[in-house]
Amino acid sequence: MLRPPTDTRFDIRPDPAGFSVRDLATGETLIIAKVRQCGLSREDAEHTAAVLNQAPDDASRTTH
């Protein structure tokens, strides 16, 4: 079971096709392996954000 994050960097927001995972540091939709994380089910978006919010700082950095 995932623990609540102590420092939230990733959040979810509704979008026209479902939910997006947003990087609060950049204000942009998260991209993982060249795939924009939008149009997800609420469950998938919440899980992705929760996992990344628990990652060490260097593992959660995004590159563009």
PDB file of N, CA and C in Angstrom:
ATOM      1  N   MET A   1       0.843  -1.185   0.000  1.00  0.00           N
ATOM      2  CA  MET A   1       0.000   0.000   0.000  1.00  0.00           C
ATOM      3  C   MET A   1       0.887   1.247   0.000  1.00  0.00           C
ATOM      4  N   LEU A   2       0.495   2.233  -0.756  1.00  0.00           N
ATOM      5  CA  LEU A   2       1.273   3.465  -0.873  1.00  0.00           C
ATOM      6  C   LEU A   2       0.981   4.389   0.299  1.00  0.00           C
ATOM      7  N   ARG A   3       2.032   5.040   0.789  1.00  0.00           N
ATOM      8  CA  ARG A   3       1.883   6.015   1.856  1.00  0.00           C
ATOM      9  C   ARG A   3       1.561   7.372   1.249  1.00  0.00           C
ATOM     10  N   PRO A   4       0.832   8.232   1.981  1.00  0.00           N
ATOM     11  CA  PRO A   4       0.575   9.575   1.464  1.00  0.00           C
ATOM     12  C   PRO A   4       1.893  10.313   1.271  1.00  0.00           C
ATOM     13  N   PRO A   5       2.036  11.060   0.192  1.00  0.00           N
ATOM     14  CA  PRO A   5       3.292  11.777  -0.050  1.00  0.00           C
ATOM     15  C   PRO A   5       3.487  12.900   0.956  1.00  0.00           C
ATOM     16  N   THR A   6       4.755  13.174   1.267  1.00  0.00           N
ATOM     17  CA  THR A   6       5.050  14.293   2.152  1.00  0.00           C
ATOM     18  C   THR A   6       5.254  15.571   1.349  1.00  0.00           C
ATOM     19  N   ASP A   7       5.674  15.433   0.117  1.00  0.00           N
ATOM     20  CA  ASP A   7       5.902  16.588  -0.735  1.00  0.00           C
ATOM     21  C   ASP A   7       5.292  16.271  -2.099  1.00  0.00           C
ATOM     22  N   THR A   8       4.178  16.894  -2.408  1.00  0.00           N
ATOM     23  CA  THR A   8       3.459  16.584  -3.633  1.00  0.00           C
ATOM     24  C   THR A   8       4.004  17.384  -4.801  1.00  0.00           C
ATOM     25  N   ARG A   9       4.523  16.685  -5.785  1.00  0.00           N
ATOM     26  CA  ARG A   9       4.974  17.326  -7.015  1.00  0.00           C
ATOM     27  C   ARG A   9       4.011  17.024  -8.158  1.00  0.00           C
ATOM     28  N   PHE A  10       3.375  15.863  -8.121  1.00  0.00           N
ATOM     29  CA  PHE A  10       2.477  15.440  -9.194  1.00  0.00           C
ATOM     30  C   PHE A  10       1.052  15.387  -8.680  1.00  0.00           C
ATOM     31  N   ASP A  11       0.141  15.844  -9.515  1.00  0.00           N
ATOM     32  CA  ASP A  11      -1.274  15.908  -9.169  1.00  0.00           C
ATOM     33  C   ASP A  11      -2.069  15.454 -10.378  1.00  0.00           C
ATOM     34  N   ILE A  12      -3.341  15.168 -10.178  1.00  0.00           N
ATOM     35  CA  ILE A  12      -4.169  14.811 -11.331  1.00  0.00           C
ATOM     36  C   ILE A  12      -5.207  15.909 -11.555  1.00  0.00           C
ATOM     37  N   ARG A  13      -5.597  16.050 -12.801  1.00  0.00           N
ATOM     38  CA  ARG A  13      -6.605  17.032 -13.190  1.00  0.00           C
ATOM     39  C   ARG A  13      -7.518  16.393 -14.231  1.00  0.00           C
ATOM     40  N   PRO A  14      -8.807  16.714 -14.202  1.00  0.00           N
ATOM     41  CA  PRO A  14      -9.684  16.205 -15.255  1.00  0.00           C
ATOM     42  C   PRO A  14      -9.296  16.812 -16.600  1.00  0.00           C
ATOM     43  N   ASP A  15      -9.447  16.041 -17.655  1.00  0.00           N
ATOM     44  CA  ASP A  15      -9.233  16.550 -19.009  1.00  0.00           C
ATOM     45  C   ASP A  15     -10.393  16.041 -19.865  1.00  0.00           C
ATOM     46  N   PRO A  16     -10.505  16.474 -21.104  1.00  0.00           N
ATOM     47  CA  PRO A  16     -11.645  16.086 -21.933  1.00  0.00           C
ATOM     48  C   PRO A  16     -11.811  14.569 -22.131  1.00  0.00           C
ATOM     49  N   ALA A  17     -10.725  13.808 -22.020  1.00  0.00           N
ATOM     50  CA  ALA A  17     -10.797  12.369 -22.277  1.00  0.00           C
ATOM     51  C   ALA A  17     -10.641  11.526 -21.008  1.00  0.00           C
ATOM     52  N   GLY A  18     -10.575  12.145 -19.829  1.00  0.00           N
ATOM     53  CA  GLY A  18     -10.374  11.412 -18.583  1.00  0.00           C
ATOM     54  C   GLY A  18      -9.627  12.275 -17.589  1.00  0.00           C
ATOM     55  N   PHE A  19      -8.419  11.827 -17.207  1.00  0.00           N
ATOM     56  CA  PHE A  19      -7.606  12.564 -16.242  1.00  0.00           C
ATOM     57  C   PHE A  19      -6.169  12.643 -16.725  1.00  0.00           C
ATOM     58  N   SER A  20      -5.504  13.742 -16.375  1.00  0.00           N
ATOM     59  CA  SER A  20      -4.096  13.953 -16.696  1.00  0.00           C
ATOM     60  C   SER A  20      -3.288  13.984 -15.413  1.00  0.00           C
ATOM     61  N   VAL A  21      -2.028  13.547 -15.512  1.00  0.00           N
ATOM     62  CA  VAL A  21      -1.088  13.694 -14.412  1.00  0.00           C
ATOM     63  C   VAL A  21      -0.271  14.943 -14.722  1.00  0.00           C
ATOM     64  N   ARG A  22      -0.292  15.896 -13.803  1.00  0.00           N
ATOM     65  CA  ARG A  22       0.392  17.169 -14.004  1.00  0.00           C
ATOM     66  C   ARG A  22       1.604  17.279 -13.099  1.00  0.00           C
ATOM     67  N   ASP A  23       2.674  17.841 -13.639  1.00  0.00           N
ATOM     68  CA  ASP A  23       3.881  18.137 -12.877  1.00  0.00           C
ATOM     69  C   ASP A  23       3.692  19.551 -12.322  1.00  0.00           C
ATOM     70  N   LEU A  24       3.513  19.658 -11.026  1.00  0.00           N
ATOM     71  CA  LEU A  24       3.247  20.960 -10.419  1.00  0.00           C
ATOM     72  C   LEU A  24       4.441  21.893 -10.487  1.00  0.00           C
ATOM     73  N   ALA A  25       5.649  21.339 -10.647  1.00  0.00           N
ATOM     74  CA  ALA A  25       6.848  22.173 -10.753  1.00  0.00           C
ATOM     75  C   ALA A  25       6.891  22.920 -12.085  1.00  0.00           C
ATOM     76  N   THR A  26       6.368  22.295 -13.140  1.00  0.00           N
ATOM     77  CA  THR A  26       6.416  22.913 -14.468  1.00  0.00           C
ATOM     78  C   THR A  26       5.048  23.373 -14.956  1.00  0.00           C
ATOM     79  N   GLY A  27       3.984  22.823 -14.367  1.00  0.00           N
ATOM     80  CA  GLY A  27       2.627  23.135 -14.825  1.00  0.00           C
ATOM     81  C   GLY A  27       2.231  22.356 -16.064  1.00  0.00           C
ATOM     82  N   GLU A  28       3.081  21.447 -16.505  1.00  0.00           N
ATOM     83  CA  GLU A  28       2.847  20.687 -17.729  1.00  0.00           C
ATOM     84  C   GLU A  28       2.313  19.284 -17.423  1.00  0.00           C
ATOM     85  N   THR A  29       1.659  18.705 -18.424  1.00  0.00           N
ATOM     86  CA  THR A  29       1.246  17.314 -18.324  1.00  0.00           C
ATOM     87  C   THR A  29       2.494  16.441 -18.357  1.00  0.00           C
ATOM     88  N   LEU A  30       2.539  15.469 -17.477  1.00  0.00           N
ATOM     89  CA  LEU A  30       3.682  14.575 -17.367  1.00  0.00           C
ATOM     90  C   LEU A  30       3.842  13.734 -18.633  1.00  0.00           C
ATOM     91  N   ILE A  31       5.096  13.527 -19.034  1.00  0.00           N
ATOM     92  CA  ILE A  31       5.419  12.653 -20.160  1.00  0.00           C
ATOM     93  C   ILE A  31       6.317  11.547 -19.631  1.00  0.00           C
ATOM     94  N   ILE A  32       5.898  10.297 -19.883  1.00  0.00           N
ATOM     95  CA  ILE A  32       6.695   9.129 -19.496  1.00  0.00           C
ATOM     96  C   ILE A  32       6.960   8.332 -20.764  1.00  0.00           C
ATOM     97  N   ALA A  33       8.219   8.085 -21.057  1.00  0.00           N
ATOM     98  CA  ALA A  33       8.627   7.321 -22.250  1.00  0.00           C
ATOM     99  C   ALA A  33       7.964   7.879 -23.513  1.00  0.00           C
ATOM    100  N   LYS A  34       8.020   9.203 -23.639  1.00  0.00           N
ATOM    101  CA  LYS A  34       7.489   9.924 -24.796  1.00  0.00           C
ATOM    102  C   LYS A  34       5.967   9.843 -24.936  1.00  0.00           C
ATOM    103  N   VAL A  35       5.263   9.428 -23.865  1.00  0.00           N
ATOM    104  CA  VAL A  35       3.801   9.338 -23.889  1.00  0.00           C
ATOM    105  C   VAL A  35       3.242  10.328 -22.874  1.00  0.00           C
ATOM    106  N   ARG A  36       2.460  11.270 -23.368  1.00  0.00           N
ATOM    107  CA  ARG A  36       1.819  12.261 -22.502  1.00  0.00           C
ATOM    108  C   ARG A  36       0.783  11.549 -21.636  1.00  0.00           C
ATOM    109  N   GLN A  37       0.832  11.790 -20.325  1.00  0.00           N
ATOM    110  CA  GLN A  37      -0.051  11.109 -19.383  1.00  0.00           C
ATOM    111  C   GLN A  37      -1.377  11.858 -19.255  1.00  0.00           C
ATOM    112  N   CYS A  38      -2.216  11.704 -20.279  1.00  0.00           N
ATOM    113  CA  CYS A  38      -3.533  12.325 -20.303  1.00  0.00           C
ATOM    114  C   CYS A  38      -4.531  11.314 -20.841  1.00  0.00           C
ATOM    115  N   GLY A  39      -5.814  11.569 -20.592  1.00  0.00           N
ATOM    116  CA  GLY A  39      -6.845  10.652 -21.043  1.00  0.00           C
ATOM    117  C   GLY A  39      -6.859   9.346 -20.254  1.00  0.00           C
ATOM    118  N   LEU A  40      -6.292   9.378 -19.057  1.00  0.00           N
ATOM    119  CA  LEU A  40      -6.214   8.187 -18.221  1.00  0.00           C
ATOM    120  C   LEU A  40      -7.481   8.028 -17.390  1.00  0.00           C
ATOM    121  N   SER A  41      -7.726   6.814 -16.908  1.00  0.00           N
ATOM    122  CA  SER A  41      -8.795   6.620 -15.935  1.00  0.00           C
ATOM    123  C   SER A  41      -8.367   7.307 -14.642  1.00  0.00           C
ATOM    124  N   ARG A  42      -9.319   7.637 -13.799  1.00  0.00           N
ATOM    125  CA  ARG A  42      -8.991   8.271 -12.518  1.00  0.00           C
ATOM    126  C   ARG A  42      -8.048   7.366 -11.736  1.00  0.00           C
ATOM    127  N   GLU A  43      -8.335   6.069 -11.713  1.00  0.00           N
ATOM    128  CA  GLU A  43      -7.512   5.126 -10.958  1.00  0.00           C
ATOM    129  C   GLU A  43      -6.061   5.110 -11.457  1.00  0.00           C
ATOM    130  N   ASP A  44      -5.876   5.056 -12.768  1.00  0.00           N
ATOM    131  CA  ASP A  44      -4.519   5.037 -13.325  1.00  0.00           C
ATOM    132  C   ASP A  44      -3.779   6.348 -13.046  1.00  0.00           C
ATOM    133  N   ALA A  45      -4.476   7.472 -13.193  1.00  0.00           N
ATOM    134  CA  ALA A  45      -3.844   8.767 -12.940  1.00  0.00           C
ATOM    135  C   ALA A  45      -3.452   8.905 -11.474  1.00  0.00           C
ATOM    136  N   GLU A  46      -4.339   8.505 -10.562  1.00  0.00           N
ATOM    137  CA  GLU A  46      -4.029   8.588  -9.134  1.00  0.00           C
ATOM    138  C   GLU A  46      -2.848   7.684  -8.778  1.00  0.00           C
ATOM    139  N   HIS A  47      -2.814   6.497  -9.347  1.00  0.00           N
ATOM    140  CA  HIS A  47      -1.717   5.566  -9.065  1.00  0.00           C
ATOM    141  C   HIS A  47      -0.379   6.134  -9.571  1.00  0.00           C
ATOM    142  N   THR A  48      -0.372   6.641 -10.794  1.00  0.00           N
ATOM    143  CA  THR A  48       0.858   7.202 -11.360  1.00  0.00           C
ATOM    144  C   THR A  48       1.358   8.364 -10.507  1.00  0.00           C
ATOM    145  N   ALA A  49       0.477   9.277 -10.139  1.00  0.00           N
ATOM    146  CA  ALA A  49       0.871  10.422  -9.318  1.00  0.00           C
ATOM    147  C   ALA A  49       1.383   9.962  -7.952  1.00  0.00           C
ATOM    148  N   ALA A  50       0.720   8.995  -7.346  1.00  0.00           N
ATOM    149  CA  ALA A  50       1.126   8.514  -6.028  1.00  0.00           C
ATOM    150  C   ALA A  50       2.505   7.865  -6.075  1.00  0.00           C
ATOM    151  N   VAL A  51       2.750   7.052  -7.092  1.00  0.00           N
ATOM    152  CA  VAL A  51       4.055   6.391  -7.217  1.00  0.00           C
ATOM    153  C   VAL A  51       5.152   7.436  -7.405  1.00  0.00           C
ATOM    154  N   LEU A  52       4.939   8.392  -8.281  1.00  0.00           N
ATOM    155  CA  LEU A  52       5.958   9.402  -8.545  1.00  0.00           C
ATOM    156  C   LEU A  52       6.166  10.352  -7.365  1.00  0.00           C
ATOM    157  N   ASN A  53       5.127  10.623  -6.611  1.00  0.00           N
ATOM    158  CA  ASN A  53       5.277  11.477  -5.435  1.00  0.00           C
ATOM    159  C   ASN A  53       6.083  10.798  -4.337  1.00  0.00           C
ATOM    160  N   GLN A  54       6.216   9.489  -4.382  1.00  0.00           N
ATOM    161  CA  GLN A  54       7.025   8.777  -3.397  1.00  0.00           C
ATOM    162  C   GLN A  54       8.441   8.510  -3.883  1.00  0.00           C
ATOM    163  N   ALA A  55       8.712   8.768  -5.144  1.00  0.00           N
ATOM    164  CA  ALA A  55      10.045   8.519  -5.710  1.00  0.00           C
ATOM    165  C   ALA A  55      11.051   9.507  -5.139  1.00  0.00           C
ATOM    166  N   PRO A  56      12.324   9.083  -5.032  1.00  0.00           N
ATOM    167  CA  PRO A  56      13.368  10.044  -4.633  1.00  0.00           C
ATOM    168  C   PRO A  56      13.396  11.210  -5.612  1.00  0.00           C
ATOM    169  N   ASP A  57      13.855  12.364  -5.174  1.00  0.00           N
ATOM    170  CA  ASP A  57      13.857  13.568  -6.009  1.00  0.00           C
ATOM    171  C   ASP A  57      14.502  13.348  -7.360  1.00  0.00           C
ATOM    172  N   ASP A  58      15.633  12.669  -7.434  1.00  0.00           N
ATOM    173  CA  ASP A  58      16.319  12.518  -8.711  1.00  0.00           C
ATOM    174  C   ASP A  58      15.561  11.589  -9.653  1.00  0.00           C
ATOM    175  N   ALA A  59      14.752  10.674  -9.147  1.00  0.00           N
ATOM    176  CA  ALA A  59      13.988   9.761  -9.999  1.00  0.00           C
ATOM    177  C   ALA A  59      12.724  10.414 -10.548  1.00  0.00           C
ATOM    178  N   SER A  60      12.258  11.489  -9.930  1.00  0.00           N
ATOM    179  CA  SER A  60      11.010  12.100 -10.375  1.00  0.00           C
ATOM    180  C   SER A  60      11.231  13.316 -11.265  1.00  0.00           C
ATOM    181  N   ARG A  61      12.465  13.600 -11.605  1.00  0.00           N
ATOM    182  CA  ARG A  61      12.745  14.744 -12.483  1.00  0.00           C
ATOM    183  C   ARG A  61      12.265  14.427 -13.903  1.00  0.00           C
ATOM    184  N   THR A  62      11.706  15.425 -14.542  1.00  0.00           N
ATOM    185  CA  THR A  62      11.277  15.258 -15.914  1.00  0.00           C
ATOM    186  C   THR A  62      12.291  15.926 -16.840  1.00  0.00           C
ATOM    187  N   THR A  63      12.443  15.376 -18.018  1.00  0.00           N
ATOM    188  CA  THR A  63      13.306  15.997 -19.020  1.00  0.00           C
ATOM    189  C   THR A  63      12.479  16.244 -20.265  1.00  0.00           C
ATOM    190  N   HIS A  64      12.752  17.337 -20.921  1.00  0.00           N
ATOM    191  CA  HIS A  64      11.994  17.686 -22.140  1.00  0.00           C
ATOM    192  C   HIS A  64      12.977  17.903 -23.271  1.00  0.00           C
TER     193      HIS A  64
END
